[in-house]
């Protein structure tokens, strides 16, 4: 049979981008379908007050790079656009600790720490990992905290996907022997998460996707896949039909493609939502484990606004330092560029308690105790210049479940262990200490303060690995149980809690999955 493509990849994030390059290198005809827009450096919002270019909310005609999804148990921040989460993530590329490889549904399938080591090394090279060379006010305060709690040796400059050349100076591609795009040195403006406007951030459109296009891969942006079904045989042995519709136009302009194989790489929210829908009709052989083992990094996001006008907490890369606070936890400093103060509209005084009335009472007490401080935060100080976000993460495990809801979307439910919580005592204690160092006042996302619903930028799982369809959705090579030439390669495949930013791990596992696929012997040279 003649197919339009050998492989269609749904999503252009870390898993999809790796897949596109490696398949194209091996002689396959590849199409990448991306729901979001294609952003060039000048297209990104200057600040996050430019909501149409920063937020993805199609119902309001906002087609930006960041999406917020609110569920009963969690608020999830994710990325959209050609390059997926790399457009909006904070650049950090940590390798997880050994416990990651020895827990979860995948633990018995391989010696993962040994198996993945060369692929982590390859991923670090491809993503242009460099040690952050400079500390700024927010980082220096974290270093002071490290000393105060007796863990100064656990403070570090992280590896980040940033080009540290001469600030603002354009140079020929420094990574791929001139085969990549021009780059410019980082100016430490702190704008990584609203989209780098200076060509310093190593987003996927500047490495994997760029090189994939050089090998002939095609990218179709602003299209959303709504159906995938086997052409003839029930298991997809003779290929698939893939149906798309416009994600940005009023008229949907539906398209149809055929492919021998399909790779789901839309991130947890994209992949799991689509697969749950398809399981009810087009792909009924999908494992009943689909949607299970949804994880976060057991994290909190707490903002601390300094009242010291001499400090500029917006300077630096998005995450320029981190502190390992114990064997299972670490704390990172996160920043936005000066002028990006939209978040303050969604933040309330930090408040904890077992129920909403208690939290509201605690919040009122905080405001009454420090009225001038909170007035300055919301009405006087430049929010991003005076504020740092403390990202606290743990490798301690808890899981949720995603399932279809009555309205055709997804709903969350508690699975095993305790449900994610916005109240982690260790995080609160560290926040108090850090606030004292910078003469700051803490706030948090409104749903955390009012409803106790935590936020995360690291949702994982839902299509985890297992030895069979009773224990997972995919096997150790990312192949979907029940179907031929179908893979899941994105955050949904992560089968344990890494406790750190998962982007590097997704990249490494994607590299391994692609290494299992042979060269296309049918390619005409």
Protein backbone atom coordinates (compact mmCIF):
# COMPACT_ATOMS: atom_id res chain seq x y z
CA UNK A 1 0.00 0.00 0.00
CA UNK A 2 1.13 3.56 -0.73
CA UNK A 3 1.08 5.80 2.34
CA UNK A 4 1.24 9.57 2.54
CA UNK A 5 3.94 9.16 5.21
CA UNK A 6 5.86 6.37 6.86
CA UNK A 7 5.28 7.92 10.28
CA UNK A 8 2.96 10.61 11.53
CA UNK A 9 4.03 12.16 14.83
CA UNK A 10 1.33 13.88 16.88
CA UNK A 11 3.04 16.66 18.85
CA UNK A 12 6.39 18.42 18.54
CA UNK A 13 7.69 18.45 22.11
CA UNK A 14 10.71 16.59 23.42
CA UNK A 15 9.48 13.14 22.41
CA UNK A 16 8.06 14.17 19.05
CA UNK A 17 11.09 16.21 18.03
CA UNK A 18 13.55 13.42 18.80
CA UNK A 19 11.36 10.98 16.89
CA UNK A 20 11.15 13.28 13.88
CA UNK A 21 14.90 13.68 13.53
CA UNK A 22 15.90 10.08 14.13
CA UNK A 23 13.24 8.66 11.80
CA UNK A 24 14.06 11.16 9.06
CA UNK A 25 17.76 10.31 9.43
CA UNK A 26 16.89 6.66 8.91
CA UNK A 27 15.18 7.38 5.63
CA UNK A 28 11.53 7.52 6.69
CA UNK A 29 9.06 10.04 5.35
CA UNK A 30 7.83 11.92 8.42
CA UNK A 31 5.03 14.36 9.21
CA UNK A 32 4.87 16.19 12.56
CA UNK A 33 1.46 17.60 13.46
CA UNK A 34 1.41 20.38 16.07
CA UNK A 35 -1.65 22.02 17.58
CA UNK A 36 0.13 25.27 18.45
CA UNK A 37 1.59 28.01 16.31
CA UNK A 38 5.04 28.34 14.83
CA UNK A 39 6.82 31.09 16.75
CA UNK A 40 9.99 32.85 15.62
CA UNK A 41 12.05 34.85 18.12
CA UNK A 42 10.39 38.18 17.26
CA UNK A 43 6.92 36.67 17.64
CA UNK A 44 7.15 35.95 21.36
CA UNK A 45 5.47 38.24 23.86
CA UNK A 46 7.74 40.89 25.39
CA UNK A 47 6.00 40.35 28.73
CA UNK A 48 3.30 38.01 29.96
CA UNK A 49 0.79 40.86 29.93
CA UNK A 50 0.49 40.12 26.20
CA UNK A 51 -1.96 37.30 26.86
CA UNK A 52 -2.76 36.41 23.22
CA UNK A 53 0.90 35.57 22.62
CA UNK A 54 1.56 34.01 26.01
CA UNK A 55 -1.52 31.95 26.87
CA UNK A 56 -3.16 29.18 24.86
CA UNK A 57 -6.90 29.84 25.18
CA UNK A 58 -8.43 29.33 21.71
CA UNK A 59 -11.95 30.20 22.90
CA UNK A 60 -10.65 33.74 23.54
CA UNK A 61 -8.51 33.70 20.37
CA UNK A 62 -5.34 33.48 22.47
CA UNK A 63 -2.78 31.29 20.68
CA UNK A 64 0.25 31.64 22.90
CA UNK A 65 2.83 29.14 24.13
CA UNK A 66 1.54 28.34 27.63
CA UNK A 67 -1.61 26.49 28.63
CA UNK A 68 -3.19 26.22 32.09
CA UNK A 69 -5.49 23.25 32.70
CA UNK A 70 -7.53 23.10 35.90
CA UNK A 71 -8.63 19.75 37.33
CA UNK A 72 -10.22 18.77 40.63
CA UNK A 73 -6.91 17.70 42.13
CA UNK A 74 -4.26 19.65 40.20
CA UNK A 75 -3.58 22.73 38.07
CA UNK A 76 -1.26 21.88 35.18
CA UNK A 77 0.96 24.25 33.22
CA UNK A 78 2.04 22.96 29.81
CA UNK A 79 3.41 24.21 26.50
CA UNK A 80 2.03 24.60 22.98
CA UNK A 81 3.63 25.57 19.70
CA UNK A 82 6.24 24.11 17.36
CA UNK A 83 8.79 22.91 19.88
CA UNK A 84 6.18 22.04 22.51
CA UNK A 85 7.16 22.53 26.12
CA UNK A 86 10.66 23.68 25.17
CA UNK A 87 9.23 27.08 24.24
CA UNK A 88 7.99 27.76 27.76
CA UNK A 89 10.06 25.55 30.05
CA UNK A 90 12.82 26.84 32.33
CA UNK A 91 15.74 25.23 30.45
CA UNK A 92 16.96 22.96 33.24
CA UNK A 93 18.40 19.55 32.29
CA UNK A 94 18.96 17.47 35.43
CA UNK A 95 19.64 13.72 35.46
CA UNK A 96 17.39 12.00 38.04
CA UNK A 97 18.73 10.11 41.02
CA UNK A 98 18.98 6.31 41.05
CA UNK A 99 15.60 5.83 42.74
CA UNK A 100 13.84 6.97 39.55
CA UNK A 101 15.08 3.95 37.59
CA UNK A 102 14.22 1.44 40.30
CA UNK A 103 10.60 2.33 41.02
CA UNK A 104 7.32 2.37 39.14
CA UNK A 105 5.87 0.00 36.56
CA UNK A 106 9.00 -0.02 34.40
CA UNK A 107 11.53 -0.91 37.11
CA UNK A 108 11.84 -4.62 36.32
CA UNK A 109 11.95 -4.25 32.52
CA UNK A 110 15.58 -3.09 32.23
CA UNK A 111 18.55 -1.86 34.21
CA UNK A 112 17.41 1.61 33.23
CA UNK A 113 20.18 3.61 34.86
CA UNK A 114 22.80 1.74 32.85
CA UNK A 115 20.65 1.41 29.73
CA UNK A 116 19.84 5.11 29.50
CA UNK A 117 23.24 6.54 30.44
CA UNK A 118 24.52 6.94 26.83
CA UNK A 119 21.19 8.40 25.76
CA UNK A 120 21.28 11.01 28.53
CA UNK A 121 24.75 11.97 27.32
CA UNK A 122 23.49 12.22 23.75
CA UNK A 123 20.49 14.29 24.82
CA UNK A 124 22.67 16.75 26.76
CA UNK A 125 24.77 17.33 23.65
CA UNK A 126 21.75 17.74 21.37
CA UNK A 127 20.07 20.21 23.73
CA UNK A 128 23.25 22.25 24.15
CA UNK A 129 23.53 21.83 27.91
CA UNK A 130 25.83 24.33 29.63
CA UNK A 131 26.44 25.06 33.29
CA UNK A 132 24.83 28.38 34.26
CA UNK A 133 27.84 30.72 34.67
CA UNK A 134 26.31 33.59 36.64
CA UNK A 135 24.37 34.06 39.85
CA UNK A 136 22.08 37.01 40.47
CA UNK A 137 20.16 38.35 43.48
CA UNK A 138 17.65 35.51 43.72
CA UNK A 139 20.35 32.86 43.38
CA UNK A 140 22.65 34.55 45.89
CA UNK A 141 19.82 34.49 48.42
CA UNK A 142 19.34 30.75 47.81
CA UNK A 143 23.05 30.23 48.39
CA UNK A 144 22.69 32.10 51.69
CA UNK A 145 19.78 29.81 52.60
CA UNK A 146 21.95 26.78 51.81
CA UNK A 147 24.56 28.04 54.23
CA UNK A 148 21.98 28.81 56.91
CA UNK A 149 20.60 25.26 56.86
CA UNK A 150 24.03 23.63 56.71
CA UNK A 151 23.79 22.40 53.11
CA UNK A 152 26.10 24.80 51.30
CA UNK A 153 27.74 21.84 49.56
CA UNK A 154 24.33 20.92 48.10
CA UNK A 155 23.92 24.24 46.28
CA UNK A 156 24.65 24.11 42.55
CA UNK A 157 24.57 25.90 39.23
CA UNK A 158 22.35 23.67 37.03
CA UNK A 159 22.93 22.57 33.46
CA UNK A 160 20.63 24.59 31.22
CA UNK A 161 19.74 24.57 27.51
CA UNK A 162 21.10 28.05 26.84
CA UNK A 163 23.86 29.42 24.60
CA UNK A 164 26.23 31.52 26.73
CA UNK A 165 28.13 33.40 24.07
CA UNK A 166 28.70 37.13 24.06
CA UNK A 167 25.40 38.73 25.07
CA UNK A 168 23.33 39.59 22.01
CA UNK A 169 26.06 38.78 19.50
CA UNK A 170 24.93 36.61 16.56
CA UNK A 171 27.18 33.69 15.61
CA UNK A 172 26.96 30.77 13.23
CA UNK A 173 25.52 27.57 14.64
CA UNK A 174 27.89 26.53 17.49
CA UNK A 175 26.42 23.05 18.04
CA UNK A 176 26.04 21.08 14.81
CA UNK A 177 29.03 21.99 12.65
CA UNK A 178 27.16 24.90 11.12
CA UNK A 179 24.11 22.83 10.12
CA UNK A 180 21.84 24.52 12.66
CA UNK A 181 20.50 28.10 12.82
CA UNK A 182 22.41 31.17 13.96
CA UNK A 183 22.49 31.78 17.70
CA UNK A 184 23.08 34.73 20.01
CA UNK A 185 24.54 34.88 23.51
CA UNK A 186 22.20 35.03 26.52
CA UNK A 187 21.68 38.47 28.05
CA UNK A 188 20.24 37.05 31.32
CA UNK A 189 16.96 38.96 30.91
CA UNK A 190 14.94 36.25 32.69
CA UNK A 191 12.43 35.96 29.83
CA UNK A 192 12.96 32.26 29.08
CA UNK A 193 9.40 31.25 29.99
CA UNK A 194 7.60 33.86 27.94
CA UNK A 195 9.65 32.80 24.90
CA UNK A 196 13.26 33.72 24.22
CA UNK A 197 13.35 36.74 21.92
CA UNK A 198 17.14 36.66 21.53
CA UNK A 199 17.90 33.22 20.01
CA UNK A 200 19.83 32.14 23.10
CA UNK A 201 17.49 29.42 24.36
CA UNK A 202 18.04 25.98 22.84
CA UNK A 203 14.43 25.23 22.02
CA UNK A 204 13.59 22.16 19.93
CA UNK A 205 12.94 24.17 16.79
CA UNK A 206 16.65 25.08 16.89
CA UNK A 207 18.03 21.56 17.20
CA UNK A 208 16.00 18.37 16.71
CA UNK A 209 13.20 19.85 14.58
CA UNK A 210 15.52 22.08 12.57
CA UNK A 211 17.77 19.16 11.67
CA UNK A 212 14.76 16.91 11.01
CA UNK A 213 13.56 19.35 8.37
CA UNK A 214 17.00 19.21 6.76
CA UNK A 215 16.39 15.47 6.34
CA UNK A 216 12.98 16.08 4.77
CA UNK A 217 10.60 15.89 7.72
CA UNK A 218 7.49 18.04 7.32
CA UNK A 219 5.84 20.06 10.09
CA UNK A 220 2.15 20.93 10.01
CA UNK A 221 1.38 23.57 12.65
CA UNK A 222 -2.01 24.85 13.89
CA UNK A 223 -3.66 21.46 13.37
CA UNK A 224 -5.13 19.14 15.97
CA UNK A 225 -5.57 15.39 15.51
CA UNK A 226 -9.07 14.24 16.40
CA UNK A 227 -9.11 10.66 15.11
CA UNK A 228 -6.72 7.80 14.36
CA UNK A 229 -7.90 4.39 13.24
CA UNK A 230 -6.46 1.27 11.58
CA UNK A 231 -7.00 1.15 7.82
CA UNK A 232 -7.85 -2.57 7.49
CA UNK A 233 -6.73 -4.89 10.23
CA UNK A 234 -7.81 -4.21 13.76
CA UNK A 235 -4.24 -4.04 15.04
CA UNK A 236 -2.97 -1.48 12.52
CA UNK A 237 -0.79 -3.94 10.60
CA UNK A 238 -1.70 -2.22 7.33
CA UNK A 239 -1.36 1.33 8.60
CA UNK A 240 -3.56 4.12 9.92
CA UNK A 241 -5.71 7.01 8.84
CA UNK A 242 -5.10 10.22 10.79
CA UNK A 243 -7.64 13.04 10.76
CA UNK A 244 -6.87 16.64 11.70
CA UNK A 245 -8.73 19.92 12.00
CA UNK A 246 -7.54 23.48 12.33
CA UNK A 247 -6.82 24.52 15.91
CA UNK A 248 -6.72 28.28 15.25
CA UNK A 249 -9.30 29.00 12.54
CA UNK A 250 -13.07 29.35 12.87
CA UNK A 251 -13.54 26.95 9.97
CA UNK A 252 -11.89 23.66 10.88
CA UNK A 253 -10.45 22.72 7.44
CA UNK A 254 -10.28 19.02 8.11
CA UNK A 255 -7.46 16.96 6.58
CA UNK A 256 -6.86 13.23 6.22
CA UNK A 257 -3.52 11.42 6.00
CA UNK A 258 -2.37 7.83 5.85
CA UNK A 259 0.73 6.43 7.50
CA UNK A 260 2.34 3.09 8.21
CA UNK A 261 3.01 4.13 11.80
CA UNK A 262 1.81 6.67 14.35
CA UNK A 263 3.65 8.18 17.32
CA UNK A 264 1.70 9.97 20.05
CA UNK A 265 3.83 12.82 21.41
CA UNK A 266 1.33 15.45 22.49
CA UNK A 267 2.36 15.50 26.13
CA UNK A 268 0.24 13.99 28.89
CA UNK A 269 -2.67 16.36 28.37
CA UNK A 270 -2.69 15.91 24.59
CA UNK A 271 -1.86 12.22 24.31
CA UNK A 272 -3.96 10.86 27.17
CA UNK A 273 -6.99 12.97 26.30
CA UNK A 274 -6.87 11.80 22.67
CA UNK A 275 -6.21 8.14 23.50
CA UNK A 276 -9.01 8.01 26.08
CA UNK A 277 -11.36 9.30 23.39
CA UNK A 278 -10.06 6.86 20.76
CA UNK A 279 -10.30 3.88 23.11
CA UNK A 280 -14.09 4.22 23.14
CA UNK A 281 -14.31 3.85 19.35
CA UNK A 282 -11.30 3.81 17.00
CA UNK A 283 -8.68 2.05 19.16
CA UNK A 284 -10.59 -0.29 21.49
CA UNK A 285 -7.59 -2.59 22.03
CA UNK A 286 -5.76 0.01 24.10
CA UNK A 287 -4.88 -1.18 27.59
CA UNK A 288 -7.29 -0.54 30.44
CA UNK A 289 -4.29 0.97 32.25
CA UNK A 290 -4.62 4.02 30.02
CA UNK A 291 -4.94 7.12 32.20
CA UNK A 292 -3.49 5.43 35.30
CA UNK A 293 -0.29 6.36 37.13
CA UNK A 294 -0.49 10.11 36.52
CA UNK A 295 2.29 11.70 38.53
CA UNK A 296 3.63 15.11 39.42
CA UNK A 297 6.94 15.84 41.08
CA UNK A 298 5.07 16.34 44.37
CA UNK A 299 5.81 20.03 44.08
CA UNK A 300 4.82 23.47 45.30
CA UNK A 301 5.14 26.83 43.55
CA UNK A 302 5.33 29.71 46.02
CA UNK A 303 6.20 33.29 45.07
CA UNK A 304 8.17 35.53 47.41
CA UNK A 305 8.12 39.29 46.72
CA UNK A 306 10.94 41.33 48.21
CA UNK A 307 10.34 44.76 49.75
CA UNK A 308 14.00 45.63 49.20
CA UNK A 309 14.02 47.92 46.15
CA UNK A 310 17.75 47.42 45.62
CA UNK A 311 17.18 43.81 44.55
CA UNK A 312 16.38 42.78 40.98
CA UNK A 313 15.05 39.24 41.12
CA UNK A 314 14.21 39.16 37.41
CA UNK A 315 17.84 38.96 36.23
CA UNK A 316 19.29 35.61 35.21
CA UNK A 317 18.15 32.56 33.29
CA UNK A 318 14.73 31.17 34.25
CA UNK A 319 16.28 28.75 36.75
CA UNK A 320 19.86 29.64 37.59
CA UNK A 321 20.42 27.77 40.85
CA UNK A 322 19.10 24.91 42.92
CA UNK A 323 19.55 23.48 46.39
CA UNK A 324 19.20 19.83 47.39
CA UNK A 325 17.42 20.26 50.71
CA UNK A 326 17.44 16.53 51.58
CA UNK A 327 17.82 13.16 49.85
CA UNK A 328 14.32 13.36 48.33
CA UNK A 329 13.79 17.09 47.78
CA UNK A 330 15.24 20.16 46.16
CA UNK A 331 14.43 23.85 45.81
CA UNK A 332 14.87 25.95 42.66
CA UNK A 333 14.74 29.69 42.01
CA UNK A 334 12.42 30.60 39.10
CA UNK A 335 12.10 34.05 37.53
CA UNK A 336 10.28 36.07 34.88
CA UNK A 337 11.71 39.06 33.02
CA UNK A 338 11.13 42.59 34.26
CA UNK A 339 7.65 43.76 33.31
CA UNK A 340 6.07 40.30 33.33
CA UNK A 341 3.77 40.90 36.26
CA UNK A 342 0.56 39.23 35.10
CA UNK A 343 0.90 36.43 37.66
CA UNK A 344 0.20 38.82 40.54
CA UNK A 345 -3.46 38.97 39.42
CA UNK A 346 -3.72 35.24 40.13
CA UNK A 347 -1.81 35.23 43.41
CA UNK A 348 -3.10 35.57 46.94
CA UNK A 349 -1.29 35.67 50.29
CA UNK A 350 0.14 32.25 51.11
CA UNK A 351 -2.28 30.37 53.32
CA UNK A 352 -2.46 26.79 54.53
CA UNK A 353 -5.05 24.76 56.36
CA UNK A 354 -7.17 21.61 56.12
CA UNK A 355 -10.20 23.34 54.60
CA UNK A 356 -11.21 26.48 52.73
CA UNK A 357 -12.62 28.45 55.73
CA UNK A 358 -9.38 27.88 57.63
CA UNK A 359 -7.29 28.99 54.68
CA UNK A 360 -9.41 32.11 54.14
CA UNK A 361 -9.10 32.99 57.83
CA UNK A 362 -5.33 32.55 57.73
CA UNK A 363 -5.16 34.68 54.61
CA UNK A 364 -7.13 37.49 56.25
CA UNK A 365 -4.84 37.36 59.26
CA UNK A 366 -1.79 37.69 57.01
CA UNK A 367 -3.20 40.76 55.27
CA UNK A 368 -4.18 42.38 58.57
CA UNK A 369 -0.75 41.65 60.01
CA UNK A 370 1.18 43.02 57.00
CA UNK A 371 -1.19 45.42 55.18
CA UNK A 372 1.50 47.77 53.89
CA UNK A 373 3.64 44.91 52.58
CA UNK A 374 0.80 43.37 50.60
CA UNK A 375 -0.27 46.78 49.30
CA UNK A 376 3.25 47.32 47.93
CA UNK A 377 3.30 43.89 46.30
CA UNK A 378 0.08 44.40 44.38
CA UNK A 379 0.09 48.13 43.69
CA UNK A 380 3.59 49.61 44.05
CA UNK A 381 6.45 47.21 43.33
CA UNK A 382 7.22 45.80 39.91
CA UNK A 383 6.08 42.22 40.49
CA UNK A 384 8.61 40.35 38.34
CA UNK A 385 11.53 42.56 39.38
CA UNK A 386 10.79 42.06 43.07
CA UNK A 387 9.51 38.46 42.97
CA UNK A 388 11.07 35.03 42.72
CA UNK A 389 9.14 31.77 42.52
CA UNK A 390 10.32 28.97 44.79
CA UNK A 391 9.85 25.63 43.02
CA UNK A 392 10.05 22.80 45.54
CA UNK A 393 10.06 19.21 44.21
CA UNK A 394 10.21 15.77 45.77
CA UNK A 395 10.75 12.26 44.43
CA UNK A 396 8.15 10.90 46.88
CA UNK A 397 5.43 9.11 44.91
CA UNK A 398 1.68 9.68 44.66
CA UNK A 399 -0.54 9.09 41.65
CA UNK A 400 -3.74 10.31 40.05
CA UNK A 401 -5.92 8.86 37.32
CA UNK A 402 -7.32 10.64 34.26
CA UNK A 403 -10.59 9.44 32.77
CA UNK A 404 -13.21 10.66 30.32
CA UNK A 405 -15.81 12.99 31.74
CA UNK A 406 -19.42 13.61 30.75
CA UNK A 407 -18.52 16.59 28.56
CA UNK A 408 -15.96 14.78 26.40
CA UNK A 409 -12.94 16.08 28.27
CA UNK A 410 -10.81 14.62 31.06
CA UNK A 411 -11.34 14.48 34.78
CA UNK A 412 -8.89 13.60 37.55
CA UNK A 413 -9.36 11.09 40.34
CA UNK A 414 -7.15 9.91 43.20
CA UNK A 415 -5.37 6.63 42.44
CA UNK A 416 -2.77 5.29 44.89
CA UNK A 417 -1.10 7.05 47.78
CA UNK A 418 -2.01 10.49 49.04
CA UNK A 419 -3.41 13.01 46.57
CA UNK A 420 -1.11 15.91 45.60
CA UNK A 421 -1.18 18.67 48.18
CA UNK A 422 -0.34 22.36 48.12
CA UNK A 423 0.74 22.03 51.73
CA UNK A 424 4.17 20.45 52.19
CA UNK A 425 5.65 21.40 55.58
CA UNK A 426 9.26 21.31 54.33
CA UNK A 427 8.38 23.74 51.55
CA UNK A 428 6.62 26.13 53.93
CA UNK A 429 9.59 26.16 56.31
CA UNK A 430 12.05 26.85 53.49
CA UNK A 431 9.80 29.63 52.18
CA UNK A 432 9.82 31.33 55.57
CA UNK A 433 13.61 31.20 55.72
CA UNK A 434 14.04 32.50 52.16
CA UNK A 435 11.49 35.28 52.75
CA UNK A 436 13.47 36.47 55.73
CA UNK A 437 16.71 36.58 53.71
CA UNK A 438 15.25 38.83 50.97
CA UNK A 439 12.84 40.74 53.25
CA UNK A 440 9.96 39.25 51.32
CA UNK A 441 6.29 38.32 51.61
CA UNK A 442 5.01 35.00 50.21
CA UNK A 443 2.04 34.51 47.89
CA UNK A 444 0.75 31.55 45.89
CA UNK A 445 -1.63 30.73 43.05
CA UNK A 446 -5.20 31.55 44.11
CA UNK A 447 -6.48 27.96 43.86
CA UNK A 448 -3.72 26.83 46.20
CA UNK A 449 -4.54 29.47 48.79
CA UNK A 450 -8.33 29.04 48.55
CA UNK A 451 -8.98 25.43 47.57
CA UNK A 452 -5.68 23.76 48.44
CA UNK A 453 -5.24 22.56 44.83
CA UNK A 454 -1.51 22.40 43.96
CA UNK A 455 0.03 23.49 40.68
CA UNK A 456 2.56 21.63 38.57
CA UNK A 457 4.53 22.14 35.37
CA UNK A 458 5.61 18.48 35.37
CA UNK A 459 2.66 16.17 34.81
CA UNK A 460 3.76 12.67 33.80
CA UNK A 461 2.39 9.20 33.12
CA UNK A 462 -0.94 7.86 31.95
CA UNK A 463 0.57 5.59 29.28
CA UNK A 464 3.28 3.94 31.35
CA UNK A 465 5.55 1.01 30.53
CA UNK A 466 4.73 -2.49 31.72
CA UNK A 467 5.59 -6.10 30.96
CA UNK A 468 2.11 -6.58 29.45
CA UNK A 469 -1.18 -4.75 28.91
CA UNK A 470 -2.28 -5.61 32.45
CA UNK A 471 0.53 -3.50 33.89
CA UNK A 472 1.11 -0.82 31.29
CA UNK A 473 0.02 0.82 28.04
CA UNK A 474 3.37 0.45 26.26
CA UNK A 475 6.29 -1.97 26.40
CA UNK A 476 9.89 -1.11 27.21
CA UNK A 477 10.45 0.05 23.63
CA UNK A 478 7.48 2.46 23.78
CA UNK A 479 5.30 0.27 21.54
CA UNK A 480 1.59 0.33 22.33
CA UNK A 481 0.16 -3.01 23.44
CA UNK A 482 -2.48 -4.24 20.99
CA UNK A 483 -1.32 -2.27 17.95
CA UNK A 484 1.47 -2.47 15.37
CA UNK A 485 3.70 0.49 14.50
CA UNK A 486 2.14 2.67 17.21
CA UNK A 487 4.22 4.28 19.94
CA UNK A 488 3.83 6.75 22.80
CA UNK A 489 6.90 8.96 23.23
CA UNK A 490 6.35 11.92 25.55
CA UNK A 491 5.79 12.62 29.24
CA UNK A 492 2.94 10.10 29.30
CA UNK A 493 5.49 7.27 29.05
CA UNK A 494 7.35 8.30 32.23
CA UNK A 495 6.70 5.43 34.62
CA UNK A 496 8.13 6.70 37.93
CA UNK A 497 8.64 10.02 39.70
CA UNK A 498 11.95 11.60 38.60
CA UNK A 499 11.70 14.34 41.25
CA UNK A 500 13.28 16.81 38.81
CA UNK A 501 12.39 18.56 35.58
CA UNK A 502 11.62 15.64 33.23
CA UNK A 503 12.57 17.19 29.87
CA UNK A 504 16.01 15.57 29.68
CA UNK A 505 14.60 12.20 30.71
CA UNK A 506 11.90 12.37 28.04
CA UNK A 507 14.58 13.22 25.48
CA UNK A 508 16.84 10.37 26.58
CA UNK A 509 14.07 7.76 26.60
CA UNK A 510 12.92 9.01 23.19
CA UNK A 511 16.47 8.61 21.86
CA UNK A 512 16.51 5.03 23.12
CA UNK A 513 13.11 4.25 21.58
CA UNK A 514 14.26 5.56 18.21
CA UNK A 515 17.47 3.53 18.44
CA UNK A 516 15.32 0.37 18.37
CA UNK A 517 13.81 1.24 14.97
CA UNK A 518 15.81 -0.05 11.98
CA UNK A 519 16.82 2.01 8.96
CA UNK A 520 14.29 2.16 6.15
CA UNK A 521 15.61 -0.35 3.62
CA UNK A 522 12.95 0.70 1.13
CA UNK A 523 14.32 4.25 0.81
CA UNK A 524 15.20 5.11 -2.77
CA UNK A 525 18.68 6.64 -2.90
